[in-house]
N, C-alpha and C. Protein backbone atom coordinates (compact mmCIF):
# COMPACT_ATOMS: atom_id res chain seq x y z
N MET A 1 61.41 120.10 140.76
CA MET A 1 62.45 120.57 139.90
C MET A 1 62.72 119.56 138.80
N SER A 2 62.93 120.11 137.65
CA SER A 2 63.22 119.23 136.51
C SER A 2 64.73 119.05 136.40
N SER A 3 65.12 117.84 136.10
CA SER A 3 66.56 117.56 135.97
C SER A 3 67.00 117.83 134.53
N ASN A 4 68.22 118.18 134.41
CA ASN A 4 68.80 118.52 133.12
C ASN A 4 69.07 117.23 132.32
N PRO A 5 68.67 117.16 131.00
CA PRO A 5 68.90 115.94 130.21
C PRO A 5 70.39 115.67 130.00
N ILE A 6 71.20 116.72 130.03
CA ILE A 6 72.65 116.53 129.84
C ILE A 6 73.22 115.78 131.05
N ASP A 7 72.74 116.12 132.26
CA ASP A 7 73.21 115.44 133.47
C ASP A 7 72.80 113.97 133.45
N LYS A 8 71.62 113.68 132.96
CA LYS A 8 71.17 112.29 132.86
C LYS A 8 72.06 111.50 131.91
N ASN A 9 72.37 112.11 130.77
CA ASN A 9 73.23 111.42 129.80
C ASN A 9 74.63 111.20 130.38
N LYS A 10 75.12 112.16 131.15
CA LYS A 10 76.45 112.05 131.74
C LYS A 10 76.47 110.91 132.76
N MET A 11 75.44 110.83 133.56
CA MET A 11 75.36 109.76 134.55
C MET A 11 75.25 108.41 133.85
N HIS A 12 74.46 108.34 132.82
CA HIS A 12 74.31 107.10 132.07
C HIS A 12 75.64 106.68 131.44
N MET A 13 76.38 107.64 130.93
CA MET A 13 77.67 107.37 130.30
C MET A 13 78.67 106.87 131.33
N GLU A 14 78.66 107.47 132.55
CA GLU A 14 79.57 107.03 133.60
C GLU A 14 79.27 105.60 134.02
N ASP A 15 78.00 105.25 134.11
CA ASP A 15 77.62 103.87 134.44
C ASP A 15 78.06 102.92 133.34
N PHE A 16 77.99 103.37 132.13
CA PHE A 16 78.35 102.54 130.98
C PHE A 16 79.86 102.30 130.95
N LEU A 17 80.65 103.31 131.31
CA LEU A 17 82.11 103.22 131.22
C LEU A 17 82.76 102.64 132.48
N LYS A 18 82.00 102.44 133.55
CA LYS A 18 82.56 101.96 134.82
C LYS A 18 83.26 100.60 134.66
N PRO A 19 82.76 99.62 133.93
CA PRO A 19 83.47 98.34 133.79
C PRO A 19 84.82 98.48 133.09
N LEU A 20 85.01 99.51 132.31
CA LEU A 20 86.29 99.69 131.62
C LEU A 20 87.42 100.04 132.58
N GLU A 21 87.09 100.52 133.79
CA GLU A 21 88.11 100.86 134.76
C GLU A 21 88.83 99.63 135.30
N SER A 22 88.20 98.48 135.22
CA SER A 22 88.81 97.25 135.75
C SER A 22 89.79 96.61 134.77
N ILE A 23 89.90 97.14 133.58
CA ILE A 23 90.83 96.58 132.58
C ILE A 23 92.25 96.97 132.96
N LYS A 24 93.13 95.97 132.96
CA LYS A 24 94.52 96.22 133.32
C LYS A 24 95.40 96.11 132.08
N GLN A 25 96.47 96.87 132.05
CA GLN A 25 97.40 96.84 130.94
C GLN A 25 98.28 95.60 131.09
N ILE A 26 98.54 94.92 129.97
CA ILE A 26 99.36 93.71 130.02
C ILE A 26 100.76 94.01 129.50
N GLU A 27 101.68 93.16 129.85
CA GLU A 27 103.05 93.29 129.38
C GLU A 27 103.18 92.58 128.04
N ALA A 28 103.78 93.26 127.08
CA ALA A 28 104.02 92.65 125.76
C ALA A 28 105.31 91.86 125.82
N SER A 29 105.41 90.90 124.93
CA SER A 29 106.62 90.10 124.83
C SER A 29 107.80 91.01 124.48
N PRO A 30 108.96 90.78 125.07
CA PRO A 30 110.10 91.66 124.77
C PRO A 30 110.56 91.55 123.31
N TYR A 31 110.23 90.47 122.66
CA TYR A 31 110.66 90.27 121.28
C TYR A 31 109.60 90.68 120.26
N LEU A 32 108.47 91.18 120.73
CA LEU A 32 107.38 91.55 119.83
C LEU A 32 107.80 92.65 118.86
N PHE A 33 108.42 93.69 119.34
CA PHE A 33 108.84 94.80 118.48
C PHE A 33 109.85 94.32 117.44
N THR A 34 110.77 93.45 117.85
CA THR A 34 111.77 92.90 116.93
C THR A 34 111.10 92.08 115.83
N ARG A 35 110.11 91.28 116.20
CA ARG A 35 109.40 90.47 115.20
C ARG A 35 108.62 91.35 114.22
N ILE A 36 108.02 92.40 114.71
CA ILE A 36 107.29 93.32 113.83
C ILE A 36 108.24 93.98 112.84
N GLN A 37 109.40 94.42 113.35
CA GLN A 37 110.39 95.03 112.45
C GLN A 37 110.88 94.04 111.40
N GLN A 38 111.06 92.79 111.79
CA GLN A 38 111.53 91.77 110.85
C GLN A 38 110.49 91.53 109.75
N ARG A 39 109.22 91.50 110.11
CA ARG A 39 108.17 91.32 109.10
C ARG A 39 108.14 92.48 108.12
N ILE A 40 108.31 93.69 108.62
CA ILE A 40 108.34 94.86 107.74
C ILE A 40 109.53 94.77 106.80
N GLN A 41 110.68 94.36 107.31
CA GLN A 41 111.87 94.24 106.48
C GLN A 41 111.69 93.15 105.43
N ASN A 42 111.04 92.05 105.79
CA ASN A 42 110.78 90.98 104.82
C ASN A 42 109.88 91.46 103.69
N LYS A 43 108.91 92.29 104.01
CA LYS A 43 108.03 92.84 102.98
C LYS A 43 108.81 93.73 102.02
N LEU A 44 109.75 94.51 102.57
CA LEU A 44 110.55 95.40 101.72
C LEU A 44 111.51 94.61 100.85
N ASP A 45 111.98 93.47 101.33
CA ASP A 45 112.93 92.65 100.56
C ASP A 45 112.25 91.90 99.42
N ASN A 46 110.94 91.81 99.42
CA ASN A 46 110.22 91.04 98.41
C ASN A 46 109.94 91.84 97.13
N ARG A 47 110.52 93.02 97.00
CA ARG A 47 110.30 93.83 95.81
C ARG A 47 111.02 93.23 94.61
N VAL A 48 110.51 93.49 93.41
CA VAL A 48 111.10 93.00 92.17
C VAL A 48 112.32 93.87 91.84
N PRO A 49 113.45 93.22 91.51
CA PRO A 49 114.64 94.02 91.14
C PRO A 49 114.38 94.81 89.86
N MET A 50 115.05 95.97 89.75
CA MET A 50 114.84 96.85 88.59
C MET A 50 115.26 96.16 87.29
N ARG A 51 116.30 95.35 87.33
CA ARG A 51 116.76 94.66 86.12
C ARG A 51 115.65 93.76 85.59
N THR A 52 114.97 93.04 86.48
CA THR A 52 113.87 92.17 86.07
C THR A 52 112.71 92.99 85.52
N ALA A 53 112.42 94.11 86.14
CA ALA A 53 111.32 94.95 85.67
C ALA A 53 111.62 95.49 84.28
N TYR A 54 112.86 95.96 84.05
CA TYR A 54 113.23 96.46 82.72
C TYR A 54 113.19 95.34 81.68
N SER A 55 113.62 94.15 82.05
CA SER A 55 113.58 93.02 81.12
C SER A 55 112.14 92.68 80.72
N MET A 56 111.26 92.70 81.68
CA MET A 56 109.85 92.40 81.38
C MET A 56 109.24 93.49 80.51
N ALA A 57 109.58 94.75 80.78
CA ALA A 57 109.06 95.85 79.96
C ALA A 57 109.57 95.74 78.53
N ALA A 58 110.86 95.40 78.36
CA ALA A 58 111.43 95.25 77.02
C ALA A 58 110.77 94.09 76.29
N SER A 59 110.51 93.00 76.98
CA SER A 59 109.83 91.85 76.37
C SER A 59 108.43 92.24 75.91
N PHE A 60 107.75 93.02 76.71
CA PHE A 60 106.40 93.47 76.37
C PHE A 60 106.42 94.35 75.12
N VAL A 61 107.40 95.25 75.02
CA VAL A 61 107.51 96.13 73.85
C VAL A 61 107.82 95.30 72.60
N ILE A 62 108.72 94.31 72.73
CA ILE A 62 109.04 93.44 71.59
C ILE A 62 107.81 92.66 71.15
N LEU A 63 107.06 92.14 72.10
CA LEU A 63 105.84 91.39 71.79
C LEU A 63 104.83 92.28 71.06
N LEU A 64 104.66 93.51 71.51
CA LEU A 64 103.74 94.44 70.84
C LEU A 64 104.21 94.77 69.43
N SER A 65 105.53 94.91 69.25
CA SER A 65 106.07 95.21 67.92
C SER A 65 105.82 94.06 66.96
N ILE A 66 106.05 92.84 67.42
CA ILE A 66 105.80 91.67 66.57
C ILE A 66 104.32 91.59 66.23
N ASN A 67 103.47 91.86 67.19
CA ASN A 67 102.03 91.82 66.98
C ASN A 67 101.61 92.86 65.93
N ALA A 68 102.15 94.06 66.01
CA ALA A 68 101.82 95.10 65.03
C ALA A 68 102.32 94.71 63.64
N PHE A 69 103.51 94.13 63.56
CA PHE A 69 104.06 93.69 62.27
C PHE A 69 103.17 92.63 61.63
N VAL A 70 102.72 91.66 62.42
CA VAL A 70 101.85 90.60 61.89
C VAL A 70 100.53 91.18 61.42
N LEU A 71 99.98 92.12 62.15
CA LEU A 71 98.72 92.73 61.74
C LEU A 71 98.88 93.51 60.44
N MET A 72 99.99 94.19 60.26
CA MET A 72 100.24 94.93 59.02
C MET A 72 100.39 93.98 57.84
N GLN A 73 101.07 92.88 58.04
CA GLN A 73 101.23 91.88 56.98
C GLN A 73 99.89 91.28 56.61
N ASN A 74 99.06 91.04 57.60
CA ASN A 74 97.72 90.49 57.36
C ASN A 74 96.89 91.48 56.55
N ASN A 75 97.02 92.77 56.82
CA ASN A 75 96.29 93.81 56.08
C ASN A 75 96.74 93.83 54.62
N ASN A 76 98.06 93.70 54.36
CA ASN A 76 98.57 93.67 52.99
C ASN A 76 98.06 92.44 52.25
N THR A 77 97.98 91.30 52.92
CA THR A 77 97.48 90.07 52.30
C THR A 77 96.03 90.25 51.89
N LYS A 78 95.23 90.91 52.70
CA LYS A 78 93.82 91.14 52.36
C LYS A 78 93.71 92.02 51.12
N MET A 79 94.59 93.02 51.01
CA MET A 79 94.57 93.87 49.82
C MET A 79 94.91 93.05 48.57
N GLU A 80 95.88 92.14 48.66
CA GLU A 80 96.22 91.29 47.54
C GLU A 80 95.06 90.39 47.16
N GLU A 81 94.37 89.83 48.16
CA GLU A 81 93.21 88.98 47.89
C GLU A 81 92.11 89.79 47.18
N THR A 82 91.91 91.01 47.61
CA THR A 82 90.90 91.86 46.97
C THR A 82 91.27 92.14 45.52
N ASN A 83 92.55 92.42 45.27
CA ASN A 83 93.01 92.67 43.88
C ASN A 83 92.83 91.44 43.01
N ILE A 84 93.11 90.26 43.53
CA ILE A 84 92.94 89.02 42.77
C ILE A 84 91.47 88.79 42.47
N ALA A 85 90.60 89.01 43.47
CA ALA A 85 89.16 88.82 43.26
C ALA A 85 88.65 89.79 42.21
N GLU A 86 89.13 91.02 42.20
CA GLU A 86 88.68 91.99 41.20
C GLU A 86 89.20 91.61 39.81
N SER A 87 90.39 91.06 39.73
CA SER A 87 90.93 90.68 38.42
C SER A 87 90.14 89.54 37.80
N PHE A 88 89.58 88.64 38.60
CA PHE A 88 88.73 87.57 38.09
C PHE A 88 87.26 87.98 38.07
N GLN A 89 86.98 89.22 38.37
CA GLN A 89 85.64 89.79 38.42
C GLN A 89 84.75 89.02 39.40
N LEU A 90 85.34 88.68 40.55
CA LEU A 90 84.60 88.02 41.62
C LEU A 90 84.17 89.07 42.64
N MET A 91 83.16 88.73 43.41
CA MET A 91 82.73 89.63 44.47
C MET A 91 83.70 89.48 45.64
N HIS A 92 84.29 90.57 46.05
CA HIS A 92 85.26 90.51 47.15
C HIS A 92 84.62 90.64 48.53
N ASP A 93 83.29 90.79 48.58
CA ASP A 93 82.60 90.80 49.86
C ASP A 93 81.31 90.00 49.72
N ASN A 94 80.61 89.82 50.80
CA ASN A 94 79.38 89.02 50.79
C ASN A 94 78.13 89.88 50.71
N ASN A 95 78.26 91.13 50.32
CA ASN A 95 77.12 92.00 50.22
C ASN A 95 76.41 91.71 48.91
N LEU A 96 75.22 91.12 48.99
CA LEU A 96 74.47 90.74 47.79
C LEU A 96 73.58 91.87 47.27
N TYR A 97 73.26 92.83 48.10
CA TYR A 97 72.32 93.89 47.72
C TYR A 97 73.09 95.21 47.61
N LYS A 98 73.48 95.54 46.41
CA LYS A 98 74.21 96.79 46.20
C LYS A 98 73.33 97.81 45.54
């Protein structure tokens, strides 16, 4: 008689899992749950206050506005330089082959 491969696998699995039956459950420290809760609460307390977040966002917007203003002024200065170069009939770019 031929044996069923499923029965062989089941027997092999039971032999494999037999050492796990000797594992015993241990007692956890009574203060373990309290310590875990305290760590979670400490993580929640480390958030940035909304006032600080709004202040940083406002600073960022002001910085971007100043940056845009400086870039616009720089663009106007370049136009003035181009007008001066044209008035003296100078080449306003380095393109030699037109």
